[in-house]
Amino acid sequence: MTTKGHEGSWVTIDVGYVDPQRRSCALCGRPLARRIWRENVEGHMREFCEPAHVALYRDYWLPLYGAGAATASSEPRLPT
């Protein structure tokens, strides 16, 4: 699914109460609970609270801070 020219998609994630994963928007830091917008930005899969934040991330965050300044919680964690 694409929205407003973005190449990402809405993803519904499972909520685990025994081993909760704390996820937050890569731009604003808002906690992400169940439905997240996931998009590949600069070769990294990032998670956002809404598609509009992808454009802000590309146009504002990346030129100002660079790709390495993303928060650790914005990186999806794979099950071990």
C-alpha atoms as a PDB file:
ATOM      1  CA  MET A   1       0.000   0.000   0.000  1.00  0.00           C
ATOM      2  CA  THR A   2       1.330   3.445  -0.834  1.00  0.00           C
ATOM      3  CA  THR A   3       0.128   6.797   0.427  1.00  0.00           C
ATOM      4  CA  LYS A   4       0.887  10.302  -0.892  1.00  0.00           C
ATOM      5  CA  GLY A   5       3.783   9.165  -3.086  1.00  0.00           C
ATOM      6  CA  HIS A   6       5.471   7.234  -0.317  1.00  0.00           C
ATOM      7  CA  GLU A   7       6.727   3.711  -0.875  1.00  0.00           C
ATOM      8  CA  GLY A   8       6.054   2.448   2.630  1.00  0.00           C
ATOM      9  CA  SER A   9       3.122   0.608   4.105  1.00  0.00           C
ATOM     10  CA  TRP A  10       0.964   0.438   7.207  1.00  0.00           C
ATOM     11  CA  VAL A  11       1.899  -2.533   9.365  1.00  0.00           C
ATOM     12  CA  THR A  12      -0.046  -3.932  12.313  1.00  0.00           C
ATOM     13  CA  ILE A  13       2.299  -5.457  14.848  1.00  0.00           C
ATOM     14  CA  ASP A  14       1.577  -7.956  17.578  1.00  0.00           C
ATOM     15  CA  VAL A  15       1.496  -6.545  21.069  1.00  0.00           C
ATOM     16  CA  GLY A  16       3.381  -8.668  23.575  1.00  0.00           C
ATOM     17  CA  TYR A  17       2.793  -8.113  27.246  1.00  0.00           C
ATOM     18  CA  VAL A  18       5.373 -10.613  28.485  1.00  0.00           C
ATOM     19  CA  ASP A  19       8.251  -9.222  26.406  1.00  0.00           C
ATOM     20  CA  PRO A  20       7.145  -5.749  25.236  1.00  0.00           C
ATOM     21  CA  GLN A  21       9.116  -3.991  22.518  1.00  0.00           C
ATOM     22  CA  ARG A  22       9.310  -0.268  22.872  1.00  0.00           C
ATOM     23  CA  ARG A  23       9.064   1.357  19.461  1.00  0.00           C
ATOM     24  CA  SER A  24       8.945   5.040  18.652  1.00  0.00           C
ATOM     25  CA  CYS A  25       8.559   7.238  15.596  1.00  0.00           C
ATOM     26  CA  ALA A  26      11.924   7.865  13.915  1.00  0.00           C
ATOM     27  CA  LEU A  27      11.090  11.574  13.637  1.00  0.00           C
ATOM     28  CA  CYS A  28       9.035  12.732  16.615  1.00  0.00           C
ATOM     29  CA  GLY A  29       9.656   9.951  19.127  1.00  0.00           C
ATOM     30  CA  ARG A  30       5.954   9.274  19.691  1.00  0.00           C
ATOM     31  CA  PRO A  31       5.454   5.739  21.046  1.00  0.00           C
ATOM     32  CA  LEU A  32       4.196   3.298  18.427  1.00  0.00           C
ATOM     33  CA  ALA A  33       1.717   0.800  19.768  1.00  0.00           C
ATOM     34  CA  ARG A  34      -0.006  -1.332  17.167  1.00  0.00           C
ATOM     35  CA  ARG A  35      -0.260   0.317  13.737  1.00  0.00           C
ATOM     36  CA  ILE A  36       2.929   1.781  12.298  1.00  0.00           C
ATOM     37  CA  TRP A  37       4.069   3.231   8.978  1.00  0.00           C
ATOM     38  CA  ARG A  38       7.202   1.398   7.856  1.00  0.00           C
ATOM     39  CA  GLU A  39       9.358   2.744   5.006  1.00  0.00           C
ATOM     40  CA  ASN A  40      12.867   2.286   3.662  1.00  0.00           C
ATOM     41  CA  VAL A  41      14.838   5.539   4.036  1.00  0.00           C
ATOM     42  CA  GLU A  42      18.466   5.753   2.949  1.00  0.00           C
ATOM     43  CA  GLY A  43      18.763   1.968   2.922  1.00  0.00           C
ATOM     44  CA  HIS A  44      17.340   1.495   6.441  1.00  0.00           C
ATOM     45  CA  MET A  45      13.830   0.399   7.345  1.00  0.00           C
ATOM     46  CA  ARG A  46      12.380   3.124   9.592  1.00  0.00           C
ATOM     47  CA  GLU A  47       9.142   3.204  11.564  1.00  0.00           C
ATOM     48  CA  PHE A  48       6.936   6.302  11.763  1.00  0.00           C
ATOM     49  CA  CYS A  49       3.625   7.232  13.396  1.00  0.00           C
ATOM     50  CA  GLU A  50       2.290   8.611  10.088  1.00  0.00           C
ATOM     51  CA  PRO A  51       3.375   8.841   6.426  1.00  0.00           C
ATOM     52  CA  ALA A  52       3.790  12.638   6.584  1.00  0.00           C
ATOM     53  CA  HIS A  53       6.722  12.177   8.977  1.00  0.00           C
ATOM     54  CA  VAL A  54       8.710  10.395   6.253  1.00  0.00           C
ATOM     55  CA  ALA A  55       8.894  13.603   4.194  1.00  0.00           C
ATOM     56  CA  LEU A  56       9.898  15.625   7.256  1.00  0.00           C
ATOM     57  CA  TYR A  57      12.526  13.018   8.122  1.00  0.00           C
ATOM     58  CA  ARG A  58      14.016  13.207   4.607  1.00  0.00           C
ATOM     59  CA  ASP A  59      13.744  16.990   4.185  1.00  0.00           C
ATOM     60  CA  TYR A  60      14.582  18.150   7.720  1.00  0.00           C
ATOM     61  CA  TRP A  61      16.166  15.472   9.907  1.00  0.00           C
ATOM     62  CA  LEU A  62      18.601  13.875   7.452  1.00  0.00           C
ATOM     63  CA  PRO A  63      20.165  17.128   6.140  1.00  0.00           C
ATOM     64  CA  LEU A  64      20.487  18.509   9.676  1.00  0.00           C
ATOM     65  CA  TYR A  65      21.584  15.455  11.683  1.00  0.00           C
ATOM     66  CA  GLY A  66      22.408  12.702   9.176  1.00  0.00           C
ATOM     67  CA  ALA A  67      21.283   9.085   8.996  1.00  0.00           C
ATOM     68  CA  GLY A  68      23.452   7.978  11.935  1.00  0.00           C
ATOM     69  CA  ALA A  69      21.533  10.153  14.407  1.00  0.00           C
ATOM     70  CA  ALA A  70      18.388   8.010  14.393  1.00  0.00           C
ATOM     71  CA  THR A  71      17.259   6.728  17.753  1.00  0.00           C
ATOM     72  CA  ALA A  72      17.873   3.076  18.568  1.00  0.00           C
ATOM     73  CA  SER A  73      14.154   2.557  19.185  1.00  0.00           C
ATOM     74  CA  SER A  74      13.383   3.474  15.569  1.00  0.00           C
ATOM     75  CA  GLU A  75      15.300   0.440  14.352  1.00  0.00           C
ATOM     76  CA  PRO A  76      13.064  -2.617  14.068  1.00  0.00           C
ATOM     77  CA  ARG A  77      14.198  -5.455  16.313  1.00  0.00           C
ATOM     78  CA  LEU A  78      14.252  -8.974  14.983  1.00  0.00           C
ATOM     79  CA  PRO A  79      13.223 -11.829  17.279  1.00  0.00           C
ATOM     80  CA  THR A  80      16.163 -13.745  18.719  1.00  0.00           C
END
